[in-house]
Amino acid sequence: MIALLFALLTATMGLNYYRKTKAANVVFFITMALSVYWLKFHATSQLTIQL
């Protein structure tokens, strides 16, 4: 998942480089939504530590 987020952010930078700012903004906001989902998933999941 982290690799996907980095790939999407790299795509955003590439789109900005080629002056496709509208597409870059869409990809950026999708990436931010996925980042918030991923953070919420990890913050609320139970730890499975067996001692």
PDB file of N, CA and C in Angstrom:
ATOM      1  N   MET A   1       0.828  -1.192   0.000  1.00  0.00           N
ATOM      2  CA  MET A   1       0.000   0.000   0.000  1.00  0.00           C
ATOM      3  C   MET A   1       0.870   1.253   0.000  1.00  0.00           C
ATOM      4  N   ILE A   2       1.929   1.212   0.796  1.00  0.00           N
ATOM      5  CA  ILE A   2       2.820   2.365   0.851  1.00  0.00           C
ATOM      6  C   ILE A   2       3.480   2.582  -0.513  1.00  0.00           C
ATOM      7  N   ALA A   3       3.851   1.487  -1.173  1.00  0.00           N
ATOM      8  CA  ALA A   3       4.444   1.613  -2.508  1.00  0.00           C
ATOM      9  C   ALA A   3       3.456   2.232  -3.486  1.00  0.00           C
ATOM     10  N   LEU A   4       2.183   1.869  -3.369  1.00  0.00           N
ATOM     11  CA  LEU A   4       1.143   2.453  -4.223  1.00  0.00           C
ATOM     12  C   LEU A   4       1.033   3.953  -3.970  1.00  0.00           C
ATOM     13  N   LEU A   5       1.055   4.360  -2.704  1.00  0.00           N
ATOM     14  CA  LEU A   5       0.966   5.778  -2.379  1.00  0.00           C
ATOM     15  C   LEU A   5       2.151   6.552  -2.944  1.00  0.00           C
ATOM     16  N   PHE A   6       3.353   5.991  -2.823  1.00  0.00           N
ATOM     17  CA  PHE A   6       4.527   6.651  -3.391  1.00  0.00           C
ATOM     18  C   PHE A   6       4.437   6.714  -4.911  1.00  0.00           C
ATOM     19  N   ALA A   7       3.927   5.657  -5.542  1.00  0.00           N
ATOM     20  CA  ALA A   7       3.777   5.654  -6.996  1.00  0.00           C
ATOM     21  C   ALA A   7       2.770   6.717  -7.442  1.00  0.00           C
ATOM     22  N   LEU A   8       1.675   6.854  -6.699  1.00  0.00           N
ATOM     23  CA  LEU A   8       0.684   7.868  -7.047  1.00  0.00           C
ATOM     24  C   LEU A   8       1.243   9.273  -6.871  1.00  0.00           C
ATOM     25  N   LEU A   9       2.016   9.482  -5.826  1.00  0.00           N
ATOM     26  CA  LEU A   9       2.631  10.796  -5.636  1.00  0.00           C
ATOM     27  C   LEU A   9       3.686  11.081  -6.713  1.00  0.00           C
ATOM     28  N   THR A  10       4.400  10.044  -7.150  1.00  0.00           N
ATOM     29  CA  THR A  10       5.344  10.212  -8.251  1.00  0.00           C
ATOM     30  C   THR A  10       4.597  10.559  -9.539  1.00  0.00           C
ATOM     31  N   ALA A  11       3.451   9.907  -9.756  1.00  0.00           N
ATOM     32  CA  ALA A  11       2.633  10.223 -10.924  1.00  0.00           C
ATOM     33  C   ALA A  11       2.140  11.670 -10.857  1.00  0.00           C
ATOM     34  N   THR A  12       1.787  12.118  -9.664  1.00  0.00           N
ATOM     35  CA  THR A  12       1.350  13.506  -9.487  1.00  0.00           C
ATOM     36  C   THR A  12       2.464  14.468  -9.870  1.00  0.00           C
ATOM     37  N   MET A  13       3.686  14.173  -9.411  1.00  0.00           N
ATOM     38  CA  MET A  13       4.808  15.042  -9.767  1.00  0.00           C
ATOM     39  C   MET A  13       5.062  15.023 -11.267  1.00  0.00           C
ATOM     40  N   GLY A  14       4.950  13.853 -11.882  1.00  0.00           N
ATOM     41  CA  GLY A  14       5.142  13.764 -13.322  1.00  0.00           C
ATOM     42  C   GLY A  14       4.082  14.536 -14.092  1.00  0.00           C
ATOM     43  N   LEU A  15       2.838  14.429 -13.661  1.00  0.00           N
ATOM     44  CA  LEU A  15       1.767  15.180 -14.321  1.00  0.00           C
ATOM     45  C   LEU A  15       1.974  16.684 -14.176  1.00  0.00           C
ATOM     46  N   ASN A  16       2.419  17.114 -13.010  1.00  0.00           N
ATOM     47  CA  ASN A  16       2.719  18.532 -12.828  1.00  0.00           C
ATOM     48  C   ASN A  16       3.883  18.972 -13.710  1.00  0.00           C
ATOM     49  N   TYR A  17       4.859  18.110 -13.881  1.00  0.00           N
ATOM     50  CA  TYR A  17       6.006  18.438 -14.723  1.00  0.00           C
ATOM     51  C   TYR A  17       5.568  18.677 -16.169  1.00  0.00           C
ATOM     52  N   TYR A  18       4.606  17.871 -16.621  1.00  0.00           N
ATOM     53  CA  TYR A  18       4.099  18.023 -17.995  1.00  0.00           C
ATOM     54  C   TYR A  18       2.896  18.960 -18.083  1.00  0.00           C
ATOM     55  N   ARG A  19       2.704  19.766 -17.034  1.00  0.00           N
ATOM     56  CA  ARG A  19       1.679  20.818 -17.004  1.00  0.00           C
ATOM     57  C   ARG A  19       0.255  20.292 -17.137  1.00  0.00           C
ATOM     58  N   LYS A  20       0.003  19.086 -16.626  1.00  0.00           N
ATOM     59  CA  LYS A  20      -1.353  18.524 -16.571  1.00  0.00           C
ATOM     60  C   LYS A  20      -1.868  18.709 -15.143  1.00  0.00           C
ATOM     61  N   THR A  21      -2.095  19.966 -14.766  1.00  0.00           N
ATOM     62  CA  THR A  21      -2.382  20.264 -13.361  1.00  0.00           C
ATOM     63  C   THR A  21      -3.740  19.746 -12.910  1.00  0.00           C
ATOM     64  N   LYS A  22      -4.730  19.742 -13.782  1.00  0.00           N
ATOM     65  CA  LYS A  22      -6.046  19.247 -13.376  1.00  0.00           C
ATOM     66  C   LYS A  22      -5.985  17.749 -13.061  1.00  0.00           C
ATOM     67  N   ALA A  23      -5.319  16.991 -13.927  1.00  0.00           N
ATOM     68  CA  ALA A  23      -5.157  15.553 -13.688  1.00  0.00           C
ATOM     69  C   ALA A  23      -4.285  15.310 -12.451  1.00  0.00           C
ATOM     70  N   ALA A  24      -3.264  16.135 -12.264  1.00  0.00           N
ATOM     71  CA  ALA A  24      -2.386  15.991 -11.105  1.00  0.00           C
ATOM     72  C   ALA A  24      -3.158  16.238  -9.809  1.00  0.00           C
ATOM     73  N   ASN A  25      -4.050  17.227  -9.819  1.00  0.00           N
ATOM     74  CA  ASN A  25      -4.856  17.491  -8.633  1.00  0.00           C
ATOM     75  C   ASN A  25      -5.782  16.329  -8.311  1.00  0.00           C
ATOM     76  N   VAL A  26      -6.367  15.720  -9.333  1.00  0.00           N
ATOM     77  CA  VAL A  26      -7.249  14.569  -9.115  1.00  0.00           C
ATOM     78  C   VAL A  26      -6.471  13.414  -8.496  1.00  0.00           C
ATOM     79  N   VAL A  27      -5.316  13.098  -9.068  1.00  0.00           N
ATOM     80  CA  VAL A  27      -4.491  12.011  -8.535  1.00  0.00           C
ATOM     81  C   VAL A  27      -4.032  12.336  -7.119  1.00  0.00           C
ATOM     82  N   PHE A  28      -3.683  13.590  -6.857  1.00  0.00           N
ATOM     83  CA  PHE A  28      -3.232  13.985  -5.526  1.00  0.00           C
ATOM     84  C   PHE A  28      -4.337  13.789  -4.487  1.00  0.00           C
ATOM     85  N   PHE A  29      -5.571  14.211  -4.807  1.00  0.00           N
ATOM     86  CA  PHE A  29      -6.652  14.063  -3.836  1.00  0.00           C
ATOM     87  C   PHE A  29      -7.043  12.599  -3.633  1.00  0.00           C
ATOM     88  N   ILE A  30      -6.932  11.795  -4.672  1.00  0.00           N
ATOM     89  CA  ILE A  30      -7.151  10.353  -4.511  1.00  0.00           C
ATOM     90  C   ILE A  30      -6.092   9.772  -3.584  1.00  0.00           C
ATOM     91  N   THR A  31      -4.843  10.207  -3.773  1.00  0.00           N
ATOM     92  CA  THR A  31      -3.752   9.739  -2.922  1.00  0.00           C
ATOM     93  C   THR A  31      -3.967  10.153  -1.467  1.00  0.00           C
ATOM     94  N   MET A  32      -4.418  11.376  -1.253  1.00  0.00           N
ATOM     95  CA  MET A  32      -4.676  11.834   0.116  1.00  0.00           C
ATOM     96  C   MET A  32      -5.813  11.025   0.755  1.00  0.00           C
ATOM     97  N   ALA A  33      -6.845  10.729  -0.005  1.00  0.00           N
ATOM     98  CA  ALA A  33      -7.950   9.930   0.528  1.00  0.00           C
ATOM     99  C   ALA A  33      -7.464   8.527   0.903  1.00  0.00           C
ATOM    100  N   LEU A  34      -6.653   7.924   0.054  1.00  0.00           N
ATOM    101  CA  LEU A  34      -6.102   6.607   0.371  1.00  0.00           C
ATOM    102  C   LEU A  34      -5.174   6.668   1.582  1.00  0.00           C
ATOM    103  N   SER A  35      -4.421   7.748   1.715  1.00  0.00           N
ATOM    104  CA  SER A  35      -3.522   7.904   2.868  1.00  0.00           C
ATOM    105  C   SER A  35      -4.310   7.991   4.169  1.00  0.00           C
ATOM    106  N   VAL A  36      -5.399   8.738   4.157  1.00  0.00           N
ATOM    107  CA  VAL A  36      -6.228   8.855   5.363  1.00  0.00           C
ATOM    108  C   VAL A  36      -6.853   7.510   5.699  1.00  0.00           C
ATOM    109  N   TYR A  37      -7.333   6.791   4.678  1.00  0.00           N
ATOM    110  CA  TYR A  37      -7.894   5.453   4.910  1.00  0.00           C
ATOM    111  C   TYR A  37      -6.842   4.524   5.509  1.00  0.00           C
ATOM    112  N   TRP A  38      -5.632   4.543   4.950  1.00  0.00           N
ATOM    113  CA  TRP A  38      -4.557   3.677   5.427  1.00  0.00           C
ATOM    114  C   TRP A  38      -4.171   4.020   6.874  1.00  0.00           C
ATOM    115  N   LEU A  39      -4.099   5.316   7.188  1.00  0.00           N
ATOM    116  CA  LEU A  39      -3.781   5.735   8.550  1.00  0.00           C
ATOM    117  C   LEU A  39      -4.871   5.290   9.521  1.00  0.00           C
ATOM    118  N   LYS A  40      -6.127   5.490   9.147  1.00  0.00           N
ATOM    119  CA  LYS A  40      -7.241   5.078  10.008  1.00  0.00           C
ATOM    120  C   LYS A  40      -7.238   3.563  10.210  1.00  0.00           C
ATOM    121  N   PHE A  41      -6.951   2.815   9.170  1.00  0.00           N
ATOM    122  CA  PHE A  41      -6.895   1.360   9.269  1.00  0.00           C
ATOM    123  C   PHE A  41      -5.836   0.926  10.271  1.00  0.00           C
ATOM    124  N   HIS A  42      -4.641   1.519  10.193  1.00  0.00           N
ATOM    125  CA  HIS A  42      -3.577   1.132  11.109  1.00  0.00           C
ATOM    126  C   HIS A  42      -3.804   1.670  12.516  1.00  0.00           C
ATOM    127  N   ALA A  43      -4.427   2.806  12.645  1.00  0.00           N
ATOM    128  CA  ALA A  43      -4.644   3.381  13.975  1.00  0.00           C
ATOM    129  C   ALA A  43      -5.719   2.624  14.745  1.00  0.00           C
ATOM    130  N   THR A  44      -6.658   2.002  14.043  1.00  0.00           N
ATOM    131  CA  THR A  44      -7.764   1.349  14.735  1.00  0.00           C
ATOM    132  C   THR A  44      -7.675  -0.171  14.738  1.00  0.00           C
ATOM    133  N   SER A  45      -6.697  -0.756  14.047  1.00  0.00           N
ATOM    134  CA  SER A  45      -6.593  -2.221  14.035  1.00  0.00           C
ATOM    135  C   SER A  45      -5.973  -2.701  15.342  1.00  0.00           C
ATOM    136  N   GLN A  46      -6.425  -3.870  15.759  1.00  0.00           N
ATOM    137  CA  GLN A  46      -5.890  -4.428  17.002  1.00  0.00           C
ATOM    138  C   GLN A  46      -4.543  -5.078  16.738  1.00  0.00           C
ATOM    139  N   LEU A  47      -3.667  -4.969  17.720  1.00  0.00           N
ATOM    140  CA  LEU A  47      -2.367  -5.603  17.613  1.00  0.00           C
ATOM    141  C   LEU A  47      -2.505  -7.078  17.915  1.00  0.00           C
ATOM    142  N   THR A  48      -1.820  -7.901  17.153  1.00  0.00           N
ATOM    143  CA  THR A  48      -1.879  -9.348  17.374  1.00  0.00           C
ATOM    144  C   THR A  48      -0.524  -9.828  17.902  1.00  0.00           C
ATOM    145  N   ILE A  49      -0.170  -9.331  19.078  1.00  0.00           N
ATOM    146  CA  ILE A  49       1.087  -9.715  19.716  1.00  0.00           C
ATOM    147  C   ILE A  49       0.787 -10.837  20.690  1.00  0.00           C
ATOM    148  N   GLN A  50       1.478 -11.948  20.503  1.00  0.00           N
ATOM    149  CA  GLN A  50       1.314 -13.079  21.405  1.00  0.00           C
ATOM    150  C   GLN A  50       2.578 -13.204  22.253  1.00  0.00           C
ATOM    151  N   LEU A  51       2.400 -13.048  23.534  1.00  0.00           N
ATOM    152  CA  LEU A  51       3.560 -13.134  24.414  1.00  0.00           C
ATOM    153  C   LEU A  51       3.710 -14.509  24.987  1.00  0.00           C
TER     154      LEU A  51
END
